[in-house]
Amino acid sequence: MKNSPHSKKSVLLNRKYFIILVVCIITGFIIGFSYNLSKDDRKTGSVSSIYVQQGEVYREELIEQQERNKELAEELDTLHETIRNYEKEFATTEEHYELLVEEAEQLRILLGELPAVGKGIAVTLRDNEYNGVGNPNHYIVHESHIFTVINELKISGAEAIAINGQRLKTNSYISCNGPVITIDGNQYPAPFVIEAVGDQASLTAALEMAGGVVDQLLSDNVVITLEKKERILMPSIIKGKS
C-alpha cells in the first residue's frame, strides 16, 4: 500500500518538530551551563577580592604596629636616659649633701657648739724671772702675747682652741690683770696652757718659722714651750654637750 501524500507530509512535520525540540534542548543546556559558569566565576572573583582586601587590612595593621613599636622603643630609651640623669643628679646631690653636712659640722666645732677631739699641740706661756733690770712688766705674759699665739693657730687651721681648759668662743673676751688673765669673766693664773686641735705639723711649723711667733715671744722675755699631743678633748661651750 502506497503512502499517501498527506501521510508523508505529516512525517516531515514530525521530524521537523523533533529537530527543533532537540535544538531547543541543546540551546537551553548551553545557556544554563554558561549561566552557572558565569555565576561561579563571579563567586570566585568575589572571594578573591575579599581575601585581597583582608590582606591589605592586615598589612596596614602590621605597619601601624611596627610604627607603634618604634615609638615605644624611643619612649623607653628616653625614660632610661631620664633615669640615668636622675641617678647622676642624686649621686651628685648626695655627695654635695654629705659635703654640706661635713662643713656644717666643722663650723659647729669652730663655733664651739660641738665637742672637739683629736690630735693637736699645747703651747705653754710662762712669766720669765725678773732679774731686777728694767720694768718687771716686761717679764710677764700679757694678753697681747696670748692673742699672738691664738691668731697664728687659727690662721694655721686649728679646729678648736682652749686656754687652761676653757674653750674659746668666736667672741671670747680676754683681758690681762697683773699676773692673771680673765677669759669671759673667769680668771686664770700663769702659766697659760693654750691647746689647739688640728694638724700638728702645720700648727707647729707656723709657730716656729723664722721671725715668727716663738721668736717674737722669746724676744719679749716670755718662756714658751711646744708639745705635741696625740689626743686633746675639748667640751662644747653649750651646757649639756660634752
Protein backbone atom coordinates (compact mmCIF):
# COMPACT_ATOMS: atom_id res chain seq x y z
CA MET A 1 0.00 0.00 0.00
CA LYS A 2 1.49 3.26 -1.03
CA ASN A 3 1.80 6.14 1.40
CA SER A 4 -0.47 8.97 0.68
CA PRO A 5 0.91 12.48 0.17
CA HIS A 6 -0.82 13.52 3.37
CA SER A 7 1.00 10.92 5.46
CA LYS A 8 4.39 11.90 4.00
CA LYS A 9 3.72 15.47 4.87
CA SER A 10 2.85 14.51 8.43
CA VAL A 11 6.10 12.58 8.86
CA LEU A 12 8.13 15.51 7.62
CA LEU A 13 6.38 17.84 10.05
CA ASN A 14 7.03 15.49 12.97
CA ARG A 15 10.70 15.19 12.05
CA LYS A 16 10.98 18.97 11.82
CA TYR A 17 9.42 19.47 15.23
CA PHE A 18 11.71 16.82 16.69
CA ILE A 19 14.78 18.58 15.30
CA ILE A 20 13.55 21.93 16.65
CA LEU A 21 12.93 20.34 20.04
CA VAL A 22 16.43 18.86 20.11
CA VAL A 23 17.91 22.21 19.11
CA CYS A 24 15.94 23.98 21.87
CA ILE A 25 17.04 21.46 24.46
CA ILE A 26 20.69 21.79 23.43
CA THR A 27 20.43 25.58 23.37
CA GLY A 28 18.82 25.60 26.85
CA PHE A 29 21.55 23.33 28.17
CA ILE A 30 24.25 25.60 26.73
CA ILE A 31 22.57 28.71 28.16
CA GLY A 32 22.17 27.08 31.61
CA PHE A 33 25.77 25.85 31.63
CA SER A 34 27.04 29.30 30.62
CA TYR A 35 24.98 30.94 33.33
CA ASN A 36 26.28 28.58 36.03
CA LEU A 37 29.86 29.04 34.83
CA SER A 38 29.48 32.82 34.91
CA LYS A 39 27.96 32.62 38.39
CA ASP A 40 30.88 30.51 39.66
CA ASP A 41 33.37 32.97 38.16
CA ARG A 42 31.68 35.87 39.87
CA LYS A 43 31.64 33.97 43.17
CA THR A 44 35.33 33.06 42.85
CA GLY A 45 36.21 36.66 41.97
CA SER A 46 34.26 37.94 44.95
CA VAL A 47 36.07 35.56 47.35
CA SER A 48 39.44 36.55 45.90
CA SER A 49 38.56 40.21 46.30
CA ILE A 50 37.66 39.64 49.98
CA TYR A 51 41.00 37.90 50.59
CA VAL A 52 42.85 40.75 48.89
CA GLN A 53 41.03 43.35 50.97
CA GLN A 54 41.65 41.35 54.19
CA GLY A 55 45.35 41.05 53.36
CA GLU A 56 45.55 44.77 52.77
CA VAL A 57 43.94 45.42 56.14
CA TYR A 58 46.43 43.06 57.87
CA ARG A 59 49.33 44.72 56.09
CA GLU A 60 48.19 48.19 57.21
CA GLU A 61 47.73 46.95 60.80
CA LEU A 62 51.21 45.41 60.74
CA ILE A 63 52.72 48.69 59.52
CA GLU A 64 50.87 50.61 62.26
CA GLN A 65 52.06 48.11 64.90
CA GLN A 66 55.66 48.42 63.69
CA GLU A 67 55.42 52.22 63.89
CA ARG A 68 53.94 51.97 67.39
CA ASN A 69 56.71 49.60 68.48
CA LYS A 70 59.27 52.08 67.17
CA GLU A 71 57.61 54.91 69.13
CA LEU A 72 57.54 52.78 72.30
CA ALA A 73 61.21 51.87 71.87
CA GLU A 74 62.13 55.55 71.51
CA GLU A 75 60.00 56.40 74.55
CA LEU A 76 61.72 53.63 76.54
CA ASP A 77 65.16 54.98 75.56
CA THR A 78 64.08 58.44 76.69
CA LEU A 79 62.90 57.07 80.04
CA HIS A 80 66.18 55.19 80.51
CA GLU A 81 68.11 58.40 79.81
CA THR A 82 65.92 60.32 82.27
CA ILE A 83 66.55 57.67 84.94
CA ARG A 84 70.30 57.85 84.32
CA ASN A 85 70.19 61.63 84.66
CA TYR A 86 68.23 61.32 87.90
CA GLU A 87 70.75 58.81 89.22
CA LYS A 88 73.66 61.12 88.33
CA GLU A 89 71.87 64.09 89.87
CA PHE A 90 71.05 62.10 93.00
CA ALA A 91 74.66 60.92 93.33
CA THR A 92 75.89 64.49 92.91
CA THR A 93 73.27 65.79 95.34
CA GLU A 94 74.12 63.07 97.85
CA GLU A 95 77.84 63.91 97.64
CA HIS A 96 77.03 67.60 97.88
CA TYR A 97 74.74 66.92 100.85
CA GLU A 98 77.45 64.95 102.64
CA LEU A 99 79.91 67.75 101.94
CA LEU A 100 77.47 70.32 103.35
CA VAL A 101 76.93 68.20 106.46
CA GLU A 102 80.69 67.96 106.89
CA GLU A 103 81.12 71.72 106.50
CA ALA A 104 78.24 72.41 108.88
CA GLU A 105 79.77 70.10 111.47
CA GLN A 106 83.15 71.76 111.05
CA LEU A 107 81.55 75.18 111.55
CA ARG A 108 79.81 73.97 114.70
CA ILE A 109 83.15 72.75 116.02
CA LEU A 110 84.76 76.12 115.23
CA LEU A 111 81.88 77.89 116.97
CA GLY A 112 82.30 75.60 119.96
CA GLU A 113 78.80 74.15 119.66
CA LEU A 114 80.17 70.61 119.32
CA PRO A 115 82.90 68.89 121.35
CA ALA A 116 86.31 68.77 119.67
CA VAL A 117 88.62 65.79 119.95
CA GLY A 118 91.77 64.83 118.10
CA LYS A 119 95.49 65.36 117.74
CA GLY A 120 96.98 68.77 118.33
CA ILE A 121 99.56 70.78 120.21
CA ALA A 122 99.89 72.53 123.57
CA VAL A 123 101.68 75.90 123.82
CA THR A 124 102.67 76.88 127.36
CA LEU A 125 103.48 80.52 128.17
CA ARG A 126 105.25 81.35 131.48
CA ASP A 127 106.44 84.52 133.11
CA ASN A 128 110.20 84.95 133.00
CA GLU A 129 112.25 85.52 136.13
CA TYR A 130 112.75 89.16 136.89
CA ASN A 131 116.48 89.93 137.26
CA GLY A 132 115.96 93.40 138.71
CA VAL A 133 116.86 95.17 135.48
CA GLY A 134 114.21 97.30 133.77
CA ASN A 135 110.45 97.16 134.14
CA PRO A 136 109.13 93.94 135.76
CA ASN A 137 106.07 94.07 133.45
CA HIS A 138 108.42 93.21 130.61
CA TYR A 139 108.91 89.76 132.14
CA ILE A 140 105.31 88.63 132.44
CA VAL A 141 102.83 87.24 129.92
CA HIS A 142 100.25 89.74 128.66
CA GLU A 143 97.03 89.27 126.67
CA SER A 144 98.85 90.52 123.54
CA HIS A 145 101.18 87.50 123.74
CA ILE A 146 98.22 85.17 124.09
CA PHE A 147 96.42 86.82 121.17
CA THR A 148 99.54 86.42 119.01
CA VAL A 149 99.56 82.67 119.63
CA ILE A 150 95.79 82.28 119.20
CA ASN A 151 95.69 84.22 115.92
CA GLU A 152 98.55 82.17 114.46
CA LEU A 153 96.85 78.93 115.48
CA LYS A 154 93.57 80.00 113.86
CA ILE A 155 95.34 81.02 110.65
CA SER A 156 97.12 77.64 110.60
CA GLY A 157 93.83 75.72 110.69
CA ALA A 158 93.18 74.99 114.35
CA GLU A 159 89.74 73.45 114.75
CA ALA A 160 89.32 74.37 118.42
CA ILE A 161 91.34 76.31 120.99
CA ALA A 162 91.27 76.30 124.77
CA ILE A 163 93.23 78.21 127.42
CA ASN A 164 93.79 76.48 130.74
CA GLY A 165 90.94 74.13 129.89
CA GLN A 166 88.41 76.83 128.95
CA ARG A 167 87.34 76.56 125.35
CA LEU A 168 87.31 79.80 123.41
CA LYS A 169 84.28 81.07 121.55
CA THR A 170 84.35 83.22 118.43
CA ASN A 171 83.58 86.25 120.59
CA SER A 172 85.56 85.33 123.71
CA TYR A 173 86.89 88.30 125.68
CA ILE A 174 90.44 88.08 127.10
CA SER A 175 91.96 90.69 129.37
CA CYS A 176 95.12 90.88 131.49
CA ASN A 177 95.14 91.95 135.14
CA GLY A 178 98.66 91.70 136.51
CA PRO A 179 99.77 88.09 136.83
CA VAL A 180 96.34 86.70 135.84
CA ILE A 181 94.18 86.82 132.73
CA THR A 182 90.41 86.90 132.52
CA ILE A 183 88.61 84.83 129.86
CA ASP A 184 84.89 85.56 129.55
CA GLY A 185 84.80 86.53 133.23
CA ASN A 186 86.90 83.59 134.52
CA GLN A 187 90.37 84.29 135.94
CA TYR A 188 93.41 82.08 135.34
CA PRO A 189 96.96 82.49 136.71
CA ALA A 190 100.15 81.74 134.81
CA PRO A 191 101.37 79.53 133.33
CA PHE A 192 98.91 79.71 130.45
CA VAL A 193 98.45 76.48 128.51
CA ILE A 194 96.98 77.08 125.05
CA GLU A 195 95.73 73.86 123.46
CA ALA A 196 94.74 73.55 119.81
CA VAL A 197 93.12 70.63 117.95
CA GLY A 198 94.38 70.33 114.38
CA ASP A 199 97.20 69.18 112.14
CA GLN A 200 100.27 69.03 114.38
CA ALA A 201 102.82 69.63 111.62
CA SER A 202 101.04 72.71 110.27
CA LEU A 203 100.44 74.26 113.67
CA THR A 204 104.00 73.67 114.87
CA ALA A 205 105.59 74.90 111.64
CA ALA A 206 103.55 78.11 111.73
CA LEU A 207 104.65 78.95 115.27
CA GLU A 208 108.32 78.01 114.84
CA MET A 209 109.00 79.67 111.49
CA ALA A 210 111.92 82.10 111.45
CA GLY A 211 110.86 85.50 112.77
CA GLY A 212 107.51 84.04 113.76
CA VAL A 213 105.53 83.81 116.97
CA VAL A 214 108.09 81.86 119.01
CA ASP A 215 110.90 84.26 118.13
CA GLN A 216 108.74 87.28 118.99
CA LEU A 217 107.74 85.86 122.37
CA LEU A 218 111.31 84.95 123.25
CA SER A 219 112.39 88.48 122.42
CA ASP A 220 109.69 89.70 124.85
CA ASN A 221 111.18 87.57 127.65
CA VAL A 222 108.29 85.10 127.59
CA VAL A 223 109.13 81.46 128.33
CA ILE A 224 107.42 79.30 125.68
CA THR A 225 107.29 75.55 125.18
CA LEU A 226 105.56 73.47 122.49
CA GLU A 227 104.30 69.94 122.96
CA LYS A 228 102.55 67.62 120.52
CA LYS A 229 99.57 65.73 121.93
CA GLU A 230 98.01 62.62 120.42
CA ARG A 231 94.61 63.31 121.93
CA ILE A 232 93.05 66.55 123.06
CA LEU A 233 89.44 66.66 124.23
CA MET A 234 87.55 69.94 124.43
CA PRO A 235 83.95 70.06 125.62
CA SER A 236 81.25 72.08 123.92
CA ILE A 237 80.64 75.62 125.11
CA ILE A 238 76.94 74.70 125.27
CA LYS A 239 75.93 73.16 128.55
CA GLY A 240 74.87 69.54 128.29
CA LYS A 241 77.04 68.80 125.25
CA SER A 242 80.30 67.10 126.02
